[in-house]
Amino acid sequence: MQSPSLEPVPVQGCEVCAHAAAWRRAYRTGKGTAGGYTNHSAAVDCSLEIRNHPHEPRAAGLPVNAPAVRP
């Protein structure tokens, strides 16, 4: 059985996700980057952008409200 990917998947229809995914691919392959060099650090930054930027309605993550604190 194959383990699920930990890489964030772009939200369909989100222009920010699509843009970040295109740059992530370019940074990993070197195709489309200046000089044709790979930049894995920049690729990780793109993955973080896909994972962290807000979507409406929320795509994933923790509930909006804080959990109830019991005495």
C-alpha atoms as a PDB file:
ATOM      1  CA  MET A   1       0.000   0.000   0.000  1.00  0.00           C
ATOM      2  CA  GLN A   2       1.303   3.418  -0.943  1.00  0.00           C
ATOM      3  CA  SER A   3       1.400   6.138   1.698  1.00  0.00           C
ATOM      4  CA  PRO A   4      -0.450   9.388   0.963  1.00  0.00           C
ATOM      5  CA  SER A   5       1.573  12.308  -0.301  1.00  0.00           C
ATOM      6  CA  LEU A   6       2.438  14.986   2.220  1.00  0.00           C
ATOM      7  CA  GLU A   7       2.693  17.513  -0.588  1.00  0.00           C
ATOM      8  CA  PRO A   8      -0.183  20.003  -0.597  1.00  0.00           C
ATOM      9  CA  VAL A   9      -2.539  19.687  -3.540  1.00  0.00           C
ATOM     10  CA  PRO A  10      -3.665  22.914  -5.241  1.00  0.00           C
ATOM     11  CA  VAL A  11      -7.314  23.784  -4.656  1.00  0.00           C
ATOM     12  CA  GLN A  12      -9.186  23.498  -7.934  1.00  0.00           C
ATOM     13  CA  GLY A  13     -10.197  26.872  -9.335  1.00  0.00           C
ATOM     14  CA  CYS A  14      -7.800  28.847  -7.117  1.00  0.00           C
ATOM     15  CA  GLU A  15      -5.514  31.094  -9.175  1.00  0.00           C
ATOM     16  CA  VAL A  16      -2.974  31.453  -6.343  1.00  0.00           C
ATOM     17  CA  CYS A  17      -2.685  27.662  -6.014  1.00  0.00           C
ATOM     18  CA  ALA A  18      -2.334  27.229  -9.782  1.00  0.00           C
ATOM     19  CA  HIS A  19       0.385  29.896  -9.953  1.00  0.00           C
ATOM     20  CA  ALA A  20       2.302  28.438  -6.995  1.00  0.00           C
ATOM     21  CA  ALA A  21       2.014  24.908  -8.428  1.00  0.00           C
ATOM     22  CA  ALA A  22       3.399  26.061 -11.786  1.00  0.00           C
ATOM     23  CA  TRP A  23       6.362  27.737 -10.100  1.00  0.00           C
ATOM     24  CA  ARG A  24       6.922  24.731  -7.826  1.00  0.00           C
ATOM     25  CA  ARG A  25       7.147  22.502 -10.904  1.00  0.00           C
ATOM     26  CA  ALA A  26       9.524  24.962 -12.609  1.00  0.00           C
ATOM     27  CA  TYR A  27      11.792  25.211  -9.558  1.00  0.00           C
ATOM     28  CA  ARG A  28      11.975  21.418  -9.226  1.00  0.00           C
ATOM     29  CA  THR A  29      12.756  20.757 -12.882  1.00  0.00           C
ATOM     30  CA  GLY A  30      14.671  23.922 -13.782  1.00  0.00           C
ATOM     31  CA  LYS A  31      12.398  24.343 -16.816  1.00  0.00           C
ATOM     32  CA  GLY A  32      11.259  27.946 -16.997  1.00  0.00           C
ATOM     33  CA  THR A  33      13.666  29.320 -14.405  1.00  0.00           C
ATOM     34  CA  ALA A  34      16.519  31.721 -15.051  1.00  0.00           C
ATOM     35  CA  GLY A  35      19.484  29.725 -16.279  1.00  0.00           C
ATOM     36  CA  GLY A  36      17.564  26.449 -16.082  1.00  0.00           C
ATOM     37  CA  TYR A  37      18.682  25.766 -12.518  1.00  0.00           C
ATOM     38  CA  THR A  38      16.619  23.927  -9.929  1.00  0.00           C
ATOM     39  CA  ASN A  39      15.841  25.571  -6.605  1.00  0.00           C
ATOM     40  CA  HIS A  40      14.353  23.111  -4.133  1.00  0.00           C
ATOM     41  CA  SER A  41      14.122  25.711  -1.372  1.00  0.00           C
ATOM     42  CA  ALA A  42      11.917  27.883  -3.577  1.00  0.00           C
ATOM     43  CA  ALA A  43       9.842  24.802  -4.478  1.00  0.00           C
ATOM     44  CA  VAL A  44       9.196  24.212  -0.772  1.00  0.00           C
ATOM     45  CA  ASP A  45       8.162  27.870  -0.404  1.00  0.00           C
ATOM     46  CA  CYS A  46       5.600  27.326  -3.173  1.00  0.00           C
ATOM     47  CA  SER A  47       4.241  24.266  -1.365  1.00  0.00           C
ATOM     48  CA  LEU A  48       3.913  26.317   1.820  1.00  0.00           C
ATOM     49  CA  GLU A  49       2.001  28.993  -0.078  1.00  0.00           C
ATOM     50  CA  ILE A  50      -0.403  26.373  -1.442  1.00  0.00           C
ATOM     51  CA  ARG A  51      -0.930  24.920   2.018  1.00  0.00           C
ATOM     52  CA  ASN A  52      -1.207  28.150   4.000  1.00  0.00           C
ATOM     53  CA  HIS A  53      -3.106  30.744   2.013  1.00  0.00           C
ATOM     54  CA  PRO A  54      -6.798  31.088   2.844  1.00  0.00           C
ATOM     55  CA  HIS A  55      -9.625  29.735   0.715  1.00  0.00           C
ATOM     56  CA  GLU A  56     -13.305  30.524   0.971  1.00  0.00           C
ATOM     57  CA  PRO A  57     -14.870  28.255   1.920  1.00  0.00           C
ATOM     58  CA  ARG A  58     -12.007  26.810   3.904  1.00  0.00           C
ATOM     59  CA  ALA A  59     -10.339  23.976   1.996  1.00  0.00           C
ATOM     60  CA  ALA A  60      -8.877  22.224   5.026  1.00  0.00           C
ATOM     61  CA  GLY A  61      -7.406  22.831   8.418  1.00  0.00           C
ATOM     62  CA  LEU A  62      -8.515  23.312  11.955  1.00  0.00           C
ATOM     63  CA  PRO A  63     -11.977  24.532  12.885  1.00  0.00           C
ATOM     64  CA  VAL A  64     -12.347  28.309  12.873  1.00  0.00           C
ATOM     65  CA  ASN A  65     -13.540  28.561  16.499  1.00  0.00           C
ATOM     66  CA  ALA A  66     -11.300  27.675  19.421  1.00  0.00           C
ATOM     67  CA  PRO A  67     -12.175  24.522  21.355  1.00  0.00           C
ATOM     68  CA  ALA A  68     -14.247  24.935  24.483  1.00  0.00           C
ATOM     69  CA  VAL A  69     -12.091  25.051  27.613  1.00  0.00           C
ATOM     70  CA  ARG A  70     -13.474  23.059  30.502  1.00  0.00           C
ATOM     71  CA  PRO A  71     -12.547  23.765  34.109  1.00  0.00           C
END
